[in-house]
């Protein structure tokens, strides 16, 4: 099973644009990790109980970061999950 990075954002969140940029960065650097973005402002998006603020990063369903991590730290943590 491959690693999955879920990023929860909201359209009114000031830091969520950076979260989308980080998602693209991870996609380019680690294409073997599936990156999914969930915009909580959209209808029918289920919010896990571990997501209470945005942006929130979940790796394989476990919270990796609340708020935007440093790009290098994020890559290091994701590489360790492979």
C-alpha atoms as a PDB file:
ATOM      1  CA  UNK A   1       0.000   0.000   0.000  1.00  0.00           C
ATOM      2  CA  UNK A   2       1.304   3.451  -0.909  1.00  0.00           C
ATOM      3  CA  UNK A   3       1.317   6.510   1.277  1.00  0.00           C
ATOM      4  CA  UNK A   4      -1.521   9.011   1.015  1.00  0.00           C
ATOM      5  CA  UNK A   5      -1.215  12.643   2.076  1.00  0.00           C
ATOM      6  CA  UNK A   6      -4.576  14.317   2.651  1.00  0.00           C
ATOM      7  CA  UNK A   7      -4.580  18.081   3.051  1.00  0.00           C
ATOM      8  CA  UNK A   8      -7.691  19.763   4.430  1.00  0.00           C
ATOM      9  CA  UNK A   9      -8.189  23.380   3.469  1.00  0.00           C
ATOM     10  CA  UNK A  10     -10.932  26.010   3.360  1.00  0.00           C
ATOM     11  CA  UNK A  11     -11.377  28.702   0.735  1.00  0.00           C
ATOM     12  CA  UNK A  12     -11.407  31.431   3.421  1.00  0.00           C
ATOM     13  CA  UNK A  13      -8.170  30.242   5.048  1.00  0.00           C
ATOM     14  CA  UNK A  14      -5.214  32.615   4.575  1.00  0.00           C
ATOM     15  CA  UNK A  15      -2.618  29.809   4.797  1.00  0.00           C
ATOM     16  CA  UNK A  16      -4.430  27.389   2.536  1.00  0.00           C
ATOM     17  CA  UNK A  17      -2.995  28.791  -0.690  1.00  0.00           C
ATOM     18  CA  UNK A  18       0.443  27.864   0.647  1.00  0.00           C
ATOM     19  CA  UNK A  19      -0.942  24.405   1.477  1.00  0.00           C
ATOM     20  CA  UNK A  20      -1.933  23.967  -2.165  1.00  0.00           C
ATOM     21  CA  UNK A  21       1.548  25.049  -3.235  1.00  0.00           C
ATOM     22  CA  UNK A  22       3.067  22.511  -0.830  1.00  0.00           C
ATOM     23  CA  UNK A  23       0.786  19.832  -2.276  1.00  0.00           C
ATOM     24  CA  UNK A  24       2.138  20.560  -5.757  1.00  0.00           C
ATOM     25  CA  UNK A  25       5.700  20.571  -4.402  1.00  0.00           C
ATOM     26  CA  UNK A  26       5.195  17.118  -2.868  1.00  0.00           C
ATOM     27  CA  UNK A  27       3.598  15.818  -6.079  1.00  0.00           C
ATOM     28  CA  UNK A  28       6.683  16.927  -8.029  1.00  0.00           C
ATOM     29  CA  UNK A  29       9.282  15.682  -5.530  1.00  0.00           C
ATOM     30  CA  UNK A  30       7.594  12.452  -4.397  1.00  0.00           C
ATOM     31  CA  UNK A  31       5.257  11.250  -7.142  1.00  0.00           C
ATOM     32  CA  UNK A  32       4.904   7.884  -5.402  1.00  0.00           C
ATOM     33  CA  UNK A  33       2.838   9.592  -2.663  1.00  0.00           C
ATOM     34  CA  UNK A  34      -0.787  10.224  -3.489  1.00  0.00           C
ATOM     35  CA  UNK A  35      -1.689  13.799  -2.537  1.00  0.00           C
ATOM     36  CA  UNK A  36      -5.347  14.706  -2.107  1.00  0.00           C
ATOM     37  CA  UNK A  37      -6.786  18.102  -1.209  1.00  0.00           C
ATOM     38  CA  UNK A  38     -10.150  18.441   0.507  1.00  0.00           C
ATOM     39  CA  UNK A  39     -11.785  21.875   0.578  1.00  0.00           C
ATOM     40  CA  UNK A  40     -14.093  21.888   3.600  1.00  0.00           C
ATOM     41  CA  UNK A  41     -16.072  24.768   2.086  1.00  0.00           C
ATOM     42  CA  UNK A  42     -17.401  22.412  -0.573  1.00  0.00           C
ATOM     43  CA  UNK A  43     -20.578  20.448   0.120  1.00  0.00           C
ATOM     44  CA  UNK A  44     -20.415  16.781   1.083  1.00  0.00           C
ATOM     45  CA  UNK A  45     -16.783  16.815   2.227  1.00  0.00           C
ATOM     46  CA  UNK A  46     -16.458  14.680   5.333  1.00  0.00           C
ATOM     47  CA  UNK A  47     -14.159  16.060   7.998  1.00  0.00           C
ATOM     48  CA  UNK A  48     -12.284  13.524  10.128  1.00  0.00           C
ATOM     49  CA  UNK A  49     -12.433  14.144  13.873  1.00  0.00           C
ATOM     50  CA  UNK A  50      -8.687  14.885  13.881  1.00  0.00           C
ATOM     51  CA  UNK A  51      -9.240  17.889  11.595  1.00  0.00           C
ATOM     52  CA  UNK A  52     -10.374  20.878  13.653  1.00  0.00           C
ATOM     53  CA  UNK A  53      -8.445  23.662  11.919  1.00  0.00           C
ATOM     54  CA  UNK A  54      -7.061  24.307   8.465  1.00  0.00           C
ATOM     55  CA  UNK A  55      -4.745  23.570   6.903  1.00  0.00           C
ATOM     56  CA  UNK A  56      -4.333  20.099   8.370  1.00  0.00           C
ATOM     57  CA  UNK A  57      -2.127  17.403   6.868  1.00  0.00           C
ATOM     58  CA  UNK A  58      -2.937  13.726   7.395  1.00  0.00           C
ATOM     59  CA  UNK A  59      -0.537  10.990   6.359  1.00  0.00           C
ATOM     60  CA  UNK A  60      -2.304   7.661   5.951  1.00  0.00           C
ATOM     61  CA  UNK A  61      -5.112   8.963   8.166  1.00  0.00           C
ATOM     62  CA  UNK A  62      -2.890  10.208  11.016  1.00  0.00           C
ATOM     63  CA  UNK A  63      -2.283  13.882  11.649  1.00  0.00           C
ATOM     64  CA  UNK A  64       1.119  14.899  10.362  1.00  0.00           C
ATOM     65  CA  UNK A  65       0.819  18.655  10.768  1.00  0.00           C
ATOM     66  CA  UNK A  66      -1.635  21.235  11.996  1.00  0.00           C
ATOM     67  CA  UNK A  67      -0.780  24.293   9.938  1.00  0.00           C
ATOM     68  CA  UNK A  68       1.726  24.485   7.123  1.00  0.00           C
ATOM     69  CA  UNK A  69       4.981  22.667   7.801  1.00  0.00           C
ATOM     70  CA  UNK A  70       8.343  23.709   6.457  1.00  0.00           C
ATOM     71  CA  UNK A  71       8.670  22.208   2.948  1.00  0.00           C
ATOM     72  CA  UNK A  72      11.947  20.401   3.728  1.00  0.00           C
ATOM     73  CA  UNK A  73      10.584  18.986   6.991  1.00  0.00           C
ATOM     74  CA  UNK A  74       7.468  17.805   5.172  1.00  0.00           C
ATOM     75  CA  UNK A  75       9.528  16.021   2.515  1.00  0.00           C
ATOM     76  CA  UNK A  76      11.712  14.386   5.146  1.00  0.00           C
ATOM     77  CA  UNK A  77       8.697  13.063   7.063  1.00  0.00           C
ATOM     78  CA  UNK A  78       7.080  11.806   3.870  1.00  0.00           C
ATOM     79  CA  UNK A  79      10.280  10.113   2.681  1.00  0.00           C
ATOM     80  CA  UNK A  80      10.462   8.319   6.028  1.00  0.00           C
ATOM     81  CA  UNK A  81       6.944   6.964   5.433  1.00  0.00           C
ATOM     82  CA  UNK A  82       7.931   5.216   2.199  1.00  0.00           C
END
